[in-house]
Amino acid sequence: MRFEVEVIAEEVLPAVRSMIADNLHEDYGFKQREIANRLGVTQPAVSNYLNNSRADQKIVQKISSDPQIQLLLEEATDKAVDNENYASEVSQIIWNIRDKGLIKERFENTEKII
């Protein structure tokens, strides 16, 4: 049995962090250590995000095509730039991904525990 939160932790969050890391790097010129500091992860993790080896690129492509998620990602990125808490935006992104069925195959046969 697999839980929904496992899909979120193992597949969705890495995709979201990868997209935010890419925005911080491309749009704001942040270095890997700065990005790591803003995201609360290690610099090697950021390197993996930027090299597309930490997140499933199929998931990144599916979620990046949604305009509402793009707006939330921009808001999260802007807050990360200002070193503000962006948990609310990430939470909204996760709800949108799941509720819109963008990666419904990943959530099939999972159990909700929260």
N, C-alpha and C. Protein backbone atom coordinates (compact mmCIF):
# COMPACT_ATOMS: atom_id res chain seq x y z
N MET A 1 0.85 -1.18 0.00
CA MET A 1 0.00 0.00 0.00
C MET A 1 0.89 1.24 0.00
N ARG A 2 0.50 2.20 -0.79
CA ARG A 2 1.23 3.46 -0.88
C ARG A 2 0.29 4.59 -0.48
N PHE A 3 0.84 5.58 0.21
CA PHE A 3 0.05 6.70 0.66
C PHE A 3 0.26 7.90 -0.25
N GLU A 4 -0.78 8.75 -0.32
CA GLU A 4 -0.73 9.97 -1.12
C GLU A 4 0.47 10.84 -0.74
N VAL A 5 0.73 10.95 0.54
CA VAL A 5 1.83 11.80 0.99
C VAL A 5 3.18 11.29 0.49
N GLU A 6 3.29 10.00 0.22
CA GLU A 6 4.54 9.47 -0.34
C GLU A 6 4.72 9.96 -1.77
N VAL A 7 3.66 9.99 -2.54
CA VAL A 7 3.73 10.50 -3.91
C VAL A 7 4.12 11.97 -3.88
N ILE A 8 3.52 12.71 -2.96
CA ILE A 8 3.84 14.13 -2.85
C ILE A 8 5.31 14.33 -2.49
N ALA A 9 5.77 13.62 -1.47
CA ALA A 9 7.15 13.78 -1.00
C ALA A 9 8.18 13.29 -2.01
N GLU A 10 7.89 12.20 -2.67
CA GLU A 10 8.87 11.57 -3.56
C GLU A 10 8.82 12.08 -5.00
N GLU A 11 7.67 12.58 -5.43
CA GLU A 11 7.55 12.94 -6.84
C GLU A 11 7.12 14.38 -7.08
N VAL A 12 6.15 14.86 -6.32
CA VAL A 12 5.62 16.20 -6.56
C VAL A 12 6.56 17.28 -6.03
N LEU A 13 6.96 17.17 -4.76
CA LEU A 13 7.84 18.20 -4.19
C LEU A 13 9.16 18.36 -4.95
N PRO A 14 9.81 17.26 -5.35
CA PRO A 14 11.03 17.46 -6.14
C PRO A 14 10.77 18.21 -7.45
N ALA A 15 9.64 17.95 -8.08
CA ALA A 15 9.31 18.66 -9.32
C ALA A 15 9.09 20.14 -9.05
N VAL A 16 8.36 20.46 -8.00
CA VAL A 16 8.08 21.86 -7.65
C VAL A 16 9.38 22.56 -7.27
N ARG A 17 10.19 21.93 -6.44
CA ARG A 17 11.47 22.54 -6.05
C ARG A 17 12.37 22.74 -7.26
N SER A 18 12.36 21.80 -8.17
CA SER A 18 13.16 21.92 -9.37
C SER A 18 12.75 23.14 -10.18
N MET A 19 11.46 23.36 -10.29
CA MET A 19 10.97 24.50 -11.07
C MET A 19 11.28 25.82 -10.37
N ILE A 20 11.15 25.86 -9.05
CA ILE A 20 11.49 27.08 -8.31
C ILE A 20 12.99 27.34 -8.40
N ALA A 21 13.80 26.29 -8.25
CA ALA A 21 15.26 26.43 -8.36
C ALA A 21 15.64 26.98 -9.74
N ASP A 22 15.00 26.46 -10.76
CA ASP A 22 15.28 26.92 -12.12
C ASP A 22 14.90 28.39 -12.27
N ASN A 23 13.76 28.79 -11.73
CA ASN A 23 13.35 30.20 -11.78
C ASN A 23 14.35 31.09 -11.06
N LEU A 24 14.78 30.66 -9.88
CA LEU A 24 15.74 31.46 -9.11
C LEU A 24 17.06 31.61 -9.87
N HIS A 25 17.45 30.55 -10.54
CA HIS A 25 18.72 30.57 -11.28
C HIS A 25 18.60 31.38 -12.57
N GLU A 26 17.58 31.08 -13.35
CA GLU A 26 17.43 31.71 -14.68
C GLU A 26 16.94 33.15 -14.59
N ASP A 27 15.92 33.39 -13.77
CA ASP A 27 15.30 34.71 -13.73
C ASP A 27 16.01 35.70 -12.81
N TYR A 28 16.66 35.18 -11.77
CA TYR A 28 17.26 36.06 -10.77
C TYR A 28 18.78 35.92 -10.67
N GLY A 29 19.34 34.96 -11.38
CA GLY A 29 20.79 34.79 -11.38
C GLY A 29 21.37 34.26 -10.08
N PHE A 30 20.53 33.63 -9.26
CA PHE A 30 21.02 33.09 -8.00
C PHE A 30 22.00 31.95 -8.25
N LYS A 31 23.02 31.89 -7.42
CA LYS A 31 23.98 30.78 -7.44
C LYS A 31 23.38 29.61 -6.66
N GLN A 32 23.97 28.44 -6.84
CA GLN A 32 23.43 27.23 -6.21
C GLN A 32 23.34 27.33 -4.69
N ARG A 33 24.33 27.91 -4.05
CA ARG A 33 24.29 28.04 -2.58
C ARG A 33 23.15 28.96 -2.14
N GLU A 34 22.92 30.03 -2.90
CA GLU A 34 21.82 30.94 -2.57
C GLU A 34 20.47 30.24 -2.73
N ILE A 35 20.36 29.47 -3.79
CA ILE A 35 19.13 28.72 -4.03
C ILE A 35 18.91 27.71 -2.91
N ALA A 36 19.97 27.00 -2.54
CA ALA A 36 19.88 26.01 -1.47
C ALA A 36 19.40 26.67 -0.18
N ASN A 37 19.92 27.83 0.11
CA ASN A 37 19.52 28.57 1.30
C ASN A 37 18.04 28.94 1.25
N ARG A 38 17.58 29.40 0.10
CA ARG A 38 16.18 29.81 -0.04
C ARG A 38 15.22 28.62 0.02
N LEU A 39 15.65 27.48 -0.54
CA LEU A 39 14.78 26.31 -0.58
C LEU A 39 14.90 25.42 0.66
N GLY A 40 15.94 25.65 1.46
CA GLY A 40 16.14 24.81 2.64
C GLY A 40 16.62 23.41 2.30
N VAL A 41 17.42 23.32 1.24
CA VAL A 41 18.01 22.04 0.82
C VAL A 41 19.51 22.22 0.68
N THR A 42 20.21 21.16 0.35
CA THR A 42 21.65 21.24 0.19
C THR A 42 22.02 21.76 -1.20
N GLN A 43 23.24 22.24 -1.32
CA GLN A 43 23.72 22.70 -2.63
C GLN A 43 23.78 21.54 -3.63
N PRO A 44 24.22 20.31 -3.22
CA PRO A 44 24.17 19.21 -4.18
C PRO A 44 22.75 18.90 -4.67
N ALA A 45 21.76 19.07 -3.79
CA ALA A 45 20.37 18.86 -4.22
C ALA A 45 20.00 19.88 -5.29
N VAL A 46 20.40 21.12 -5.10
CA VAL A 46 20.13 22.17 -6.08
C VAL A 46 20.81 21.84 -7.40
N SER A 47 22.04 21.37 -7.34
CA SER A 47 22.75 20.96 -8.55
C SER A 47 21.94 19.90 -9.30
N ASN A 48 21.41 18.94 -8.57
CA ASN A 48 20.59 17.90 -9.20
C ASN A 48 19.30 18.47 -9.78
N TYR A 49 18.68 19.41 -9.06
CA TYR A 49 17.47 20.05 -9.61
C TYR A 49 17.78 20.77 -10.91
N LEU A 50 18.86 21.52 -10.93
CA LEU A 50 19.20 22.32 -12.12
C LEU A 50 19.67 21.45 -13.28
N ASN A 51 20.19 20.27 -12.98
CA ASN A 51 20.64 19.35 -14.03
C ASN A 51 19.55 18.35 -14.41
N ASN A 52 18.35 18.58 -13.90
CA ASN A 52 17.19 17.74 -14.21
C ASN A 52 17.37 16.27 -13.83
N SER A 53 18.14 16.02 -12.77
CA SER A 53 18.34 14.63 -12.37
C SER A 53 17.68 14.29 -11.04
N ARG A 54 17.00 15.24 -10.42
CA ARG A 54 16.36 14.97 -9.13
C ARG A 54 14.84 14.84 -9.27
N ALA A 55 14.27 15.51 -10.22
CA ALA A 55 12.82 15.48 -10.42
C ALA A 55 12.49 14.78 -11.73
N ASP A 56 11.38 14.09 -11.74
CA ASP A 56 10.89 13.43 -12.94
C ASP A 56 10.46 14.50 -13.94
N GLN A 57 11.13 14.58 -15.06
CA GLN A 57 10.86 15.63 -16.03
C GLN A 57 9.48 15.51 -16.69
N LYS A 58 8.92 14.31 -16.71
CA LYS A 58 7.56 14.15 -17.22
C LYS A 58 6.57 14.87 -16.31
N ILE A 59 6.81 14.77 -15.01
CA ILE A 59 5.95 15.47 -14.05
C ILE A 59 6.14 16.97 -14.19
N VAL A 60 7.38 17.42 -14.29
CA VAL A 60 7.66 18.84 -14.46
C VAL A 60 6.93 19.38 -15.69
N GLN A 61 6.98 18.66 -16.79
CA GLN A 61 6.31 19.11 -18.02
C GLN A 61 4.80 19.18 -17.85
N LYS A 62 4.23 18.16 -17.21
CA LYS A 62 2.78 18.15 -17.03
C LYS A 62 2.31 19.30 -16.16
N ILE A 63 3.00 19.54 -15.06
CA ILE A 63 2.52 20.59 -14.16
C ILE A 63 2.88 21.98 -14.65
N SER A 64 3.94 22.10 -15.42
CA SER A 64 4.33 23.43 -15.91
C SER A 64 3.41 23.93 -17.01
N SER A 65 2.61 23.05 -17.57
CA SER A 65 1.70 23.46 -18.64
C SER A 65 0.43 24.12 -18.11
N ASP A 66 0.21 24.05 -16.81
CA ASP A 66 -1.01 24.62 -16.23
C ASP A 66 -0.77 26.09 -15.85
N PRO A 67 -1.57 27.02 -16.41
CA PRO A 67 -1.35 28.44 -16.16
C PRO A 67 -1.51 28.84 -14.68
N GLN A 68 -2.46 28.23 -13.99
CA GLN A 68 -2.67 28.56 -12.58
C GLN A 68 -1.46 28.13 -11.75
N ILE A 69 -0.92 26.97 -12.05
CA ILE A 69 0.27 26.50 -11.34
C ILE A 69 1.46 27.39 -11.67
N GLN A 70 1.55 27.85 -12.90
CA GLN A 70 2.64 28.76 -13.27
C GLN A 70 2.58 30.04 -12.43
N LEU A 71 1.39 30.57 -12.24
CA LEU A 71 1.25 31.78 -11.41
C LEU A 71 1.67 31.51 -9.97
N LEU A 72 1.26 30.36 -9.44
CA LEU A 72 1.64 30.01 -8.07
C LEU A 72 3.15 29.80 -7.95
N LEU A 73 3.75 29.22 -8.98
CA LEU A 73 5.21 29.04 -8.98
C LEU A 73 5.92 30.39 -8.99
N GLU A 74 5.40 31.33 -9.77
CA GLU A 74 5.99 32.67 -9.79
C GLU A 74 5.87 33.35 -8.43
N GLU A 75 4.70 33.18 -7.78
CA GLU A 75 4.52 33.75 -6.45
C GLU A 75 5.48 33.11 -5.44
N ALA A 76 5.62 31.80 -5.51
CA ALA A 76 6.53 31.09 -4.61
C ALA A 76 7.97 31.55 -4.85
N THR A 77 8.34 31.70 -6.11
CA THR A 77 9.68 32.16 -6.45
C THR A 77 9.93 33.56 -5.92
N ASP A 78 8.97 34.45 -6.13
CA ASP A 78 9.11 35.82 -5.62
C ASP A 78 9.28 35.85 -4.11
N LYS A 79 8.53 35.02 -3.42
CA LYS A 79 8.67 34.96 -1.96
C LYS A 79 10.03 34.39 -1.57
N ALA A 80 10.50 33.39 -2.31
CA ALA A 80 11.82 32.81 -2.02
C ALA A 80 12.91 33.85 -2.24
N VAL A 81 12.76 34.66 -3.26
CA VAL A 81 13.72 35.74 -3.53
C VAL A 81 13.81 36.67 -2.32
N ASP A 82 12.66 36.99 -1.75
CA ASP A 82 12.60 37.89 -0.60
C ASP A 82 12.83 37.16 0.72
N ASN A 83 13.17 35.86 0.63
CA ASN A 83 13.42 35.03 1.80
C ASN A 83 12.18 34.95 2.71
N GLU A 84 11.01 34.94 2.08
CA GLU A 84 9.75 34.81 2.78
C GLU A 84 9.24 33.38 2.68
N ASN A 85 8.33 33.04 3.57
CA ASN A 85 7.74 31.71 3.58
C ASN A 85 6.82 31.54 2.37
N TYR A 86 7.03 30.50 1.60
CA TYR A 86 6.21 30.24 0.41
C TYR A 86 5.48 28.91 0.51
N ALA A 87 5.32 28.40 1.72
CA ALA A 87 4.65 27.12 1.94
C ALA A 87 3.21 27.12 1.45
N SER A 88 2.52 28.23 1.61
CA SER A 88 1.13 28.31 1.18
C SER A 88 1.01 28.11 -0.33
N GLU A 89 1.92 28.72 -1.07
CA GLU A 89 1.90 28.57 -2.54
C GLU A 89 2.20 27.13 -2.94
N VAL A 90 3.17 26.51 -2.29
CA VAL A 90 3.51 25.12 -2.60
C VAL A 90 2.32 24.22 -2.27
N SER A 91 1.67 24.49 -1.16
CA SER A 91 0.48 23.71 -0.79
C SER A 91 -0.61 23.85 -1.85
N GLN A 92 -0.83 25.06 -2.33
CA GLN A 92 -1.83 25.28 -3.38
C GLN A 92 -1.44 24.58 -4.68
N ILE A 93 -0.16 24.58 -4.99
CA ILE A 93 0.32 23.88 -6.18
C ILE A 93 0.00 22.39 -6.06
N ILE A 94 0.29 21.81 -4.91
CA ILE A 94 0.05 20.38 -4.70
C ILE A 94 -1.44 20.07 -4.83
N TRP A 95 -2.30 20.88 -4.21
CA TRP A 95 -3.74 20.67 -4.32
C TRP A 95 -4.19 20.75 -5.78
N ASN A 96 -3.68 21.74 -6.51
CA ASN A 96 -4.04 21.89 -7.92
C ASN A 96 -3.62 20.68 -8.73
N ILE A 97 -2.41 20.22 -8.51
CA ILE A 97 -1.90 19.06 -9.25
C ILE A 97 -2.81 17.86 -9.02
N ARG A 98 -3.13 17.61 -7.77
CA ARG A 98 -3.95 16.45 -7.45
C ARG A 98 -5.39 16.63 -7.91
N ASP A 99 -5.98 17.78 -7.60
CA ASP A 99 -7.40 17.99 -7.90
C ASP A 99 -7.69 18.09 -9.40
N LYS A 100 -6.74 18.60 -10.16
CA LYS A 100 -6.92 18.69 -11.61
C LYS A 100 -6.56 17.40 -12.32
N GLY A 101 -6.00 16.46 -11.58
CA GLY A 101 -5.66 15.17 -12.16
C GLY A 101 -4.48 15.24 -13.12
N LEU A 102 -3.60 16.21 -12.91
CA LEU A 102 -2.47 16.39 -13.84
C LEU A 102 -1.54 15.17 -13.86
N ILE A 103 -1.41 14.52 -12.74
CA ILE A 103 -0.60 13.30 -12.70
C ILE A 103 -1.40 12.21 -11.96
N LYS A 104 -2.66 12.06 -12.37
CA LYS A 104 -3.57 11.16 -11.68
C LYS A 104 -3.05 9.73 -11.62
N GLU A 105 -2.28 9.33 -12.62
CA GLU A 105 -1.74 7.96 -12.60
C GLU A 105 -0.82 7.72 -11.41
N ARG A 106 -0.18 8.79 -10.93
CA ARG A 106 0.72 8.67 -9.77
C ARG A 106 -0.06 8.50 -8.48
N PHE A 107 -1.30 8.99 -8.45
CA PHE A 107 -2.11 8.91 -7.24
C PHE A 107 -3.05 7.72 -7.23
N GLU A 108 -3.07 6.96 -8.34
CA GLU A 108 -3.93 5.78 -8.38
C GLU A 108 -3.44 4.77 -7.35
N ASN A 109 -4.37 4.11 -6.73
CA ASN A 109 -4.07 3.08 -5.74
C ASN A 109 -3.31 3.59 -4.53
N THR A 110 -3.50 4.86 -4.21
CA THR A 110 -2.90 5.41 -2.99
C THR A 110 -4.01 5.64 -1.98
N GLU A 111 -3.61 5.72 -0.74
CA GLU A 111 -4.54 5.96 0.35
C GLU A 111 -4.29 7.33 0.95
N LYS A 112 -5.37 8.03 1.27
CA LYS A 112 -5.25 9.31 1.97
C LYS A 112 -5.12 9.02 3.46
N ILE A 113 -4.20 9.73 4.10
CA ILE A 113 -4.10 9.60 5.55
C ILE A 113 -4.22 10.96 6.23
N ILE A 114 -4.27 12.01 5.42
CA ILE A 114 -4.42 13.37 5.97
C ILE A 114 -5.64 14.00 5.35
